[in-house]
Protein backbone atom coordinates (compact mmCIF):
# COMPACT_ATOMS: atom_id res chain seq x y z
CA MET A 1 -0.05 24.46 -1.39
CA ASN A 2 -1.52 26.56 -4.18
CA SER A 3 -3.55 25.38 -7.15
CA ASP A 4 -0.77 25.98 -9.69
CA ARG A 5 1.69 23.85 -7.75
CA LEU A 6 -0.76 20.97 -7.31
CA HIS A 7 -1.58 21.15 -11.02
CA ALA A 8 2.13 21.07 -11.95
CA ILE A 9 2.65 17.92 -9.89
CA ALA A 10 -0.55 16.16 -11.00
CA THR A 11 -0.01 16.79 -14.71
CA ARG A 12 3.16 14.70 -14.54
CA TYR A 13 1.36 11.60 -13.29
CA ALA A 14 0.27 10.47 -16.76
CA SER A 15 3.88 10.19 -17.92
CA LEU A 16 5.08 8.14 -14.94
CA ARG A 17 6.05 4.45 -15.12
CA VAL A 18 5.90 2.85 -11.67
CA ALA A 19 6.83 -0.72 -10.72
CA LEU A 20 4.93 -2.10 -7.74
CA VAL A 21 6.76 -5.05 -6.19
CA GLY A 22 4.87 -6.75 -3.40
CA ASP A 23 2.20 -8.99 -2.00
CA PHE A 24 -0.99 -8.66 -4.02
CA CYS A 25 -4.08 -10.15 -2.49
CA LEU A 26 -7.77 -10.43 -3.19
CA ASP A 27 -10.16 -8.55 -0.92
CA ARG A 28 -13.44 -10.45 -1.12
CA TYR A 29 -16.40 -8.77 0.57
CA LEU A 30 -19.34 -11.04 1.43
CA GLU A 31 -22.40 -8.84 1.93
CA ILE A 32 -24.84 -10.42 4.38
CA ASP A 33 -28.51 -9.53 4.75
CA PRO A 34 -29.44 -10.13 8.43
CA ALA A 35 -33.12 -10.16 7.50
CA ARG A 36 -32.46 -13.47 5.71
CA ALA A 37 -30.81 -15.14 8.71
CA GLU A 38 -31.58 -18.83 9.20
CA ILE A 39 -30.74 -21.64 11.58
CA SER A 40 -29.11 -24.72 10.09
CA ILE A 41 -31.35 -27.77 10.45
CA GLU A 42 -28.31 -30.06 10.57
CA THR A 43 -26.15 -28.18 13.11
CA GLY A 44 -28.43 -25.69 14.83
CA LEU A 45 -25.91 -22.94 14.07
CA ALA A 46 -26.78 -19.53 12.65
CA VAL A 47 -26.60 -19.21 8.85
CA HIS A 48 -25.48 -15.92 7.30
CA ASN A 49 -27.02 -15.57 3.85
CA ILE A 50 -24.82 -13.71 1.36
CA VAL A 51 -26.73 -11.52 -1.07
CA SER A 52 -23.76 -10.02 -2.92
CA VAL A 53 -20.02 -10.63 -3.37
CA ARG A 54 -17.52 -7.87 -4.18
CA SER A 55 -13.93 -8.66 -5.09
CA GLN A 56 -11.16 -6.11 -5.49
CA PRO A 57 -7.36 -6.06 -5.35
CA GLY A 58 -5.93 -5.70 -1.84
CA GLY A 59 -2.48 -5.50 -0.28
CA ALA A 60 -0.19 -4.12 -2.98
CA GLY A 61 -3.32 -4.03 -5.14
CA THR A 62 -4.67 -1.24 -2.93
CA ILE A 63 -1.58 0.81 -3.72
CA LEU A 64 -2.14 0.05 -7.41
CA ASN A 65 -5.74 1.25 -7.13
CA ASN A 66 -4.54 4.50 -5.60
CA LEU A 67 -1.91 5.04 -8.30
CA ALA A 68 -4.55 4.45 -10.96
CA ALA A 69 -6.93 6.89 -9.26
CA LEU A 70 -4.23 9.55 -9.61
CA GLY A 71 -3.89 8.79 -13.32
CA VAL A 72 -0.39 7.29 -13.24
CA GLY A 73 0.37 6.30 -16.84
CA GLU A 74 1.87 2.81 -16.42
CA ILE A 75 1.77 0.64 -13.32
CA TRP A 76 3.74 -2.60 -13.45
CA PRO A 77 2.75 -5.10 -10.73
CA VAL A 78 5.50 -7.58 -9.84
CA GLY A 79 4.06 -10.40 -7.77
CA PHE A 80 2.41 -13.80 -7.92
CA TYR A 81 -0.98 -15.47 -7.68
CA GLY A 82 -2.06 -19.10 -7.50
CA GLU A 83 -3.79 -21.37 -9.98
CA ASP A 84 -7.07 -21.02 -8.11
CA GLY A 85 -10.37 -19.19 -8.34
CA GLU A 86 -9.12 -16.33 -6.19
CA GLY A 87 -6.17 -15.89 -8.53
CA TYR A 88 -8.49 -15.73 -11.52
CA GLU A 89 -10.56 -13.03 -9.81
CA LEU A 90 -7.47 -11.07 -8.75
CA ARG A 91 -5.92 -11.04 -12.21
CA ARG A 92 -9.25 -10.11 -13.80
CA ALA A 93 -9.65 -7.21 -11.34
CA LEU A 94 -6.11 -5.94 -11.96
CA LYS A 95 -6.51 -6.23 -15.73
CA ALA A 96 -9.52 -3.92 -15.56
CA ILE A 97 -7.55 -1.12 -13.90
CA SER A 98 -6.43 1.69 -16.18
CA GLY A 99 -2.66 1.74 -16.61
CA ALA A 100 -1.98 -1.72 -15.16
CA ARG A 101 0.53 -3.81 -17.14
CA LEU A 102 0.48 -7.46 -16.11
CA ASP A 103 3.51 -8.79 -18.02
CA HIS A 104 5.37 -9.48 -14.75
CA PHE A 105 2.42 -10.65 -12.63
CA ILE A 106 3.19 -14.35 -12.24
CA GLU A 107 0.81 -17.30 -12.05
CA THR A 108 2.26 -20.29 -10.19
CA PRO A 109 0.89 -23.60 -8.87
CA ALA A 110 3.41 -23.37 -6.02
CA ARG A 111 1.53 -20.59 -4.19
CA ARG A 112 -2.00 -19.91 -3.04
CA THR A 113 -3.54 -16.56 -3.86
CA PHE A 114 -3.30 -14.37 -0.78
CA THR A 115 -6.95 -13.63 0.12
CA TYR A 116 -8.77 -11.58 2.74
CA CYS A 117 -12.40 -12.71 2.98
CA LYS A 118 -14.43 -10.03 4.76
CA PRO A 119 -18.04 -10.79 5.78
CA LEU A 120 -20.06 -7.56 6.05
CA VAL A 121 -23.48 -7.33 7.69
CA LEU A 122 -25.64 -4.75 5.89
CA GLU A 123 -28.29 -3.26 8.14
CA SER A 124 -30.66 -0.57 6.95
CA GLY A 125 -29.57 2.93 7.89
CA GLN A 126 -26.24 1.79 9.35
CA SER A 127 -22.67 1.47 8.17
CA PRO A 128 -21.57 -2.06 7.18
CA ARG A 129 -20.51 -4.17 10.17
CA GLU A 130 -17.54 -6.47 9.57
CA LEU A 131 -17.51 -9.95 11.11
CA ASN A 132 -14.38 -12.02 11.76
CA ARG A 133 -12.14 -12.01 8.69
CA LEU A 134 -11.08 -15.25 6.97
CA ASP A 135 -7.55 -15.21 5.52
CA SER A 136 -5.82 -17.51 3.03
CA LYS A 137 -2.03 -17.14 3.15
CA ASN A 138 1.15 -19.00 2.31
CA TRP A 139 2.99 -20.37 5.34
CA THR A 140 6.02 -21.91 3.64
CA PRO A 141 9.01 -20.12 2.05
CA THR A 142 8.51 -18.84 -1.47
CA PRO A 143 10.13 -21.42 -3.79
CA GLU A 144 13.42 -20.38 -5.36
CA THR A 145 11.95 -20.91 -8.83
CA VAL A 146 9.28 -18.30 -8.09
CA SER A 147 11.74 -15.91 -6.45
CA ALA A 148 14.03 -16.13 -9.49
CA ARG A 149 11.17 -15.02 -11.76
CA LEU A 150 10.44 -12.08 -9.46
CA VAL A 151 14.12 -11.09 -9.46
CA ALA A 152 14.17 -11.23 -13.26
CA ALA A 153 11.10 -8.99 -13.39
CA VAL A 154 12.69 -6.38 -11.12
CA ARG A 155 15.84 -6.49 -13.23
CA ALA A 156 13.85 -6.09 -16.46
CA LEU A 157 11.92 -3.08 -15.17
CA GLY A 158 14.63 -1.42 -13.13
CA ASP A 159 16.27 0.50 -15.95
CA SER A 160 13.09 2.00 -17.40
CA VAL A 161 10.71 2.94 -14.57
CA ASP A 162 10.49 6.28 -12.76
CA ALA A 163 9.85 4.74 -9.35
CA ILE A 164 9.61 1.41 -7.56
CA ILE A 165 7.37 0.70 -4.58
CA LEU A 166 8.08 -2.30 -2.35
CA LEU A 167 5.29 -3.63 -0.13
CA ASP A 168 6.03 -6.54 2.20
CA GLN A 169 2.56 -7.52 3.45
CA VAL A 170 3.21 -11.01 4.86
CA ASP A 171 3.60 -11.82 8.55
CA VAL A 172 6.14 -14.64 8.14
CA VAL A 173 9.53 -13.84 6.63
CA ALA A 174 10.35 -15.23 3.16
CA THR A 175 6.78 -16.40 2.42
CA GLY A 176 5.83 -13.56 0.08
CA VAL A 177 7.15 -11.58 -2.87
CA VAL A 178 9.87 -9.55 -1.15
CA THR A 179 12.40 -12.37 -0.83
CA ALA A 180 16.11 -12.09 -0.06
CA GLY A 181 16.76 -12.42 -3.78
CA VAL A 182 14.44 -9.52 -4.58
CA LEU A 183 16.10 -7.34 -1.94
CA ASN A 184 19.53 -8.21 -3.33
CA GLU A 185 18.37 -7.14 -6.78
CA ILE A 186 16.99 -3.88 -5.35
CA SER A 187 20.34 -3.28 -3.66
CA ALA A 188 22.16 -3.81 -6.97
CA LEU A 189 19.71 -1.44 -8.66
CA THR A 190 20.48 1.34 -6.16
CA LYS A 191 24.10 1.17 -7.31
CA ARG A 192 23.15 1.06 -10.98
CA ARG A 193 20.58 3.88 -10.71
CA PRO A 194 21.26 5.81 -7.50
CA GLU A 195 18.83 8.55 -8.54
CA LEU A 196 15.86 6.15 -8.86
CA LEU A 197 13.10 6.62 -6.29
CA ILE A 198 12.56 3.33 -4.45
CA LEU A 199 10.11 3.48 -1.54
CA ALA A 200 9.59 0.55 0.84
CA ASP A 201 7.00 -0.37 3.45
CA SER A 202 6.99 -3.62 5.43
CA ARG A 203 4.71 -4.71 8.24
CA ARG A 204 7.61 -6.80 9.60
CA GLY A 205 9.95 -3.80 9.65
CA LEU A 206 12.68 -2.66 7.27
CA ARG A 207 15.76 -4.01 9.04
CA ASP A 208 16.89 -6.23 6.14
CA PHE A 209 16.13 -3.68 3.41
CA PRO A 210 18.80 -1.73 1.53
CA GLN A 211 19.13 2.01 2.10
CA ILE A 212 16.19 3.33 0.11
CA VAL A 213 13.26 5.60 1.00
CA TYR A 214 11.60 4.16 4.11
CA LYS A 215 7.95 4.56 5.06
CA MET A 216 6.85 3.11 8.41
CA ASN A 217 4.75 3.77 11.50
CA ARG A 218 5.86 4.85 14.98
CA ALA A 219 6.14 1.29 16.35
CA GLU A 220 8.19 0.16 13.33
CA LEU A 221 10.51 3.14 13.78
CA ALA A 222 11.06 2.15 17.40
CA ALA A 223 11.79 -1.46 16.44
CA LEU A 224 14.24 -0.41 13.73
CA THR A 225 16.14 2.29 15.60
CA GLY A 226 15.57 1.67 19.30
CA ALA A 227 13.71 4.97 19.61
CA ASP A 228 11.08 5.35 22.31
CA ALA A 229 7.81 3.89 20.98
CA ALA A 230 5.89 6.30 23.23
CA ALA A 231 7.82 9.39 22.12
CA ASP A 232 5.91 12.57 21.41
CA VAL A 233 6.02 14.31 18.03
CA ALA A 234 9.25 16.14 18.89
CA GLY A 235 10.92 12.88 19.89
CA VAL A 236 9.80 11.13 16.71
CA LYS A 237 11.05 14.06 14.61
CA ALA A 238 14.49 13.72 16.16
CA ALA A 239 14.57 9.95 15.55
CA VAL A 240 13.42 10.35 11.94
CA ALA A 241 16.07 13.00 11.28
CA ARG A 242 18.79 10.73 12.68
CA LEU A 243 17.66 7.79 10.56
CA ALA A 244 17.50 9.91 7.39
CA ARG A 245 21.02 11.21 7.95
CA LYS A 246 22.26 7.66 8.62
CA THR A 247 20.72 6.16 5.47
CA GLY A 248 21.23 9.19 3.25
CA GLN A 249 17.62 8.78 2.12
CA ARG A 250 14.22 10.29 2.85
CA VAL A 251 12.29 8.71 5.71
CA PHE A 252 8.55 8.96 6.42
CA VAL A 253 6.82 7.91 9.64
CA THR A 254 3.03 7.91 10.00
CA LEU A 255 1.56 8.83 13.38
CA SER A 256 -2.11 7.87 12.94
CA GLU A 257 -4.24 10.81 14.13
CA GLU A 258 -1.11 12.94 14.66
CA GLY A 259 -0.24 12.94 10.95
CA ILE A 260 3.10 12.20 9.32
CA ILE A 261 6.74 13.14 9.85
CA GLY A 262 9.26 13.17 7.03
CA ALA A 263 12.94 14.01 6.71
CA ASP A 264 15.27 14.38 3.75
CA ALA A 265 18.78 12.96 3.50
CA SER A 266 20.26 15.97 5.30
CA GLY A 267 17.98 15.42 8.29
CA ALA A 268 15.76 18.43 7.58
CA VAL A 269 12.45 17.35 9.09
CA GLU A 270 8.79 18.27 8.54
CA HIS A 271 5.55 17.41 10.36
CA VAL A 272 2.18 17.53 8.62
CA PRO A 273 -0.83 16.96 10.92
CA SER A 274 -3.75 14.72 10.01
CA ARG A 275 -6.81 16.41 8.61
CA PRO A 276 -10.01 16.62 10.72
CA VAL A 277 -12.35 13.63 10.55
CA ARG A 278 -16.11 13.78 10.09
CA GLY A 279 -18.27 11.10 11.70
CA LYS A 280 -17.50 7.41 11.43
CA ILE A 281 -14.23 6.37 9.79
CA ASP A 282 -12.65 3.16 8.45
CA ILE A 283 -8.83 3.24 8.53
CA VAL A 284 -8.36 0.20 6.27
CA GLY A 285 -6.34 1.26 3.24
CA ALA A 286 -5.22 4.62 4.61
CA GLY A 287 -1.58 3.56 4.89
CA ASP A 288 -1.56 2.26 1.33
CA ALA A 289 -3.04 5.55 0.11
CA VAL A 290 -0.19 7.37 1.85
CA THR A 291 2.38 5.07 0.25
CA ALA A 292 0.94 5.52 -3.25
CA ASN A 293 0.68 9.28 -2.98
CA LEU A 294 4.15 9.72 -1.51
CA ALA A 295 5.67 7.69 -4.34
CA ALA A 296 3.69 9.34 -7.13
CA THR A 297 4.21 12.89 -5.92
CA LEU A 298 7.94 12.47 -5.28
CA ALA A 299 8.40 10.84 -8.69
CA ALA A 300 6.52 13.79 -10.19
CA GLY A 301 8.93 16.26 -8.61
CA ALA A 302 7.15 17.28 -5.40
CA GLU A 303 9.12 18.66 -2.48
CA LEU A 304 9.10 16.74 0.81
CA ARG A 305 6.37 18.76 2.51
CA GLU A 306 4.24 18.91 -0.64
CA ALA A 307 4.30 15.11 -0.89
CA MET A 308 3.31 14.79 2.77
CA GLU A 309 0.43 17.26 2.46
CA ILE A 310 -0.97 15.42 -0.55
CA ALA A 311 -0.55 12.05 1.19
CA MET A 312 -2.42 13.28 4.28
CA ALA A 313 -5.27 14.56 2.13
CA ALA A 314 -5.48 11.16 0.41
CA ALA A 315 -5.54 9.36 3.76
CA SER A 316 -8.33 11.63 4.97
CA SER A 317 -10.39 10.87 1.88
CA VAL A 318 -9.88 7.13 2.25
CA VAL A 319 -10.80 6.84 5.95
CA HIS A 320 -14.20 8.35 5.22
CA GLN A 321 -14.99 5.57 2.71
CA ILE A 322 -16.69 2.90 4.84
CA GLY A 323 -16.62 -0.82 4.05
CA THR A 324 -14.00 -0.65 1.31
CA THR A 325 -10.32 0.15 0.79
CA GLY A 326 -10.87 3.46 -0.93
CA THR A 327 -8.86 5.76 -3.19
CA ALA A 328 -8.53 9.48 -3.79
CA SER A 329 -8.54 11.12 -7.23
CA VAL A 330 -6.71 14.31 -8.15
CA ALA A 331 -10.05 16.13 -8.24
CA GLN A 332 -10.86 14.97 -4.70
CA LEU A 333 -7.42 16.00 -3.48
CA HIS A 334 -7.77 19.41 -5.14
CA GLY A 335 -11.06 19.96 -3.33
CA MET A 336 -9.41 19.19 0.01
CA LEU A 337 -6.11 21.03 -0.46
CA ILE A 338 -7.20 24.15 -2.34
CA ARG A 339 -9.72 26.37 -0.61
């Protein structure tokens, strides 16, 4: 990729309107100073003393952070948060992000705010060490009243945005934002606006999703198509090409250290390797960086391989940011892609 082409793509970001439909959560980092360790008088158990707390958007919020880092003009989160302290922190954090429009980010007493609480031990001269994570999730189906509001939000935005990203982050079906009603509305939107870029990623797989742009990993591809989960790059390329021809949509499959494979609707397939790593890495947030950059670049007119190259550069930048779910700016990407 040359500098002129990257510039042509990146200059379109500011004019983009992107809807982000998915499970927003709060990433709360508890920074622990081991030098202040104590033993509880009452229980005899070790006490971890927290010296600082950092809160930032996670889940779909990580994708939002990455879109904002690229300079996307308007980002419309569609999701929910609870009437709790975590919800207050999450909304405040999202409100502070340039380009975020919170008109369709719903507060509801019927849901808890999805929260990842991450204790980090900070030792001098070392990278942060994460202890066992503490999660707060919803374990019951999303109420129909909440789902109906989400559907209405998708319908309201569907005719005016340049792209929609779907992120299904929950482990239990029907407990998050991407409900059956939301998927039905997305399906109707594909008929109303067949040219609209809609990109989906789900940790539970994409079996129930309409035929839109799919982004998944190797294991999810195997679960969806029956392909060999241990297939080499050539085998994955063949499976991705078949799926793209079947759906009539672009398909992207991430391969961890082996990079990413993508195919267009005709089945023409590309493989972009991962970039070299330097020292210690933290893979948290890399997949979300790929999702954000694929969506933004494709909406800005990038070709398939161009989008994949930019996404791989973003992932490389993020994995070298330790103890946080990082982002990559256009300037950082330029420094990596243009030599």
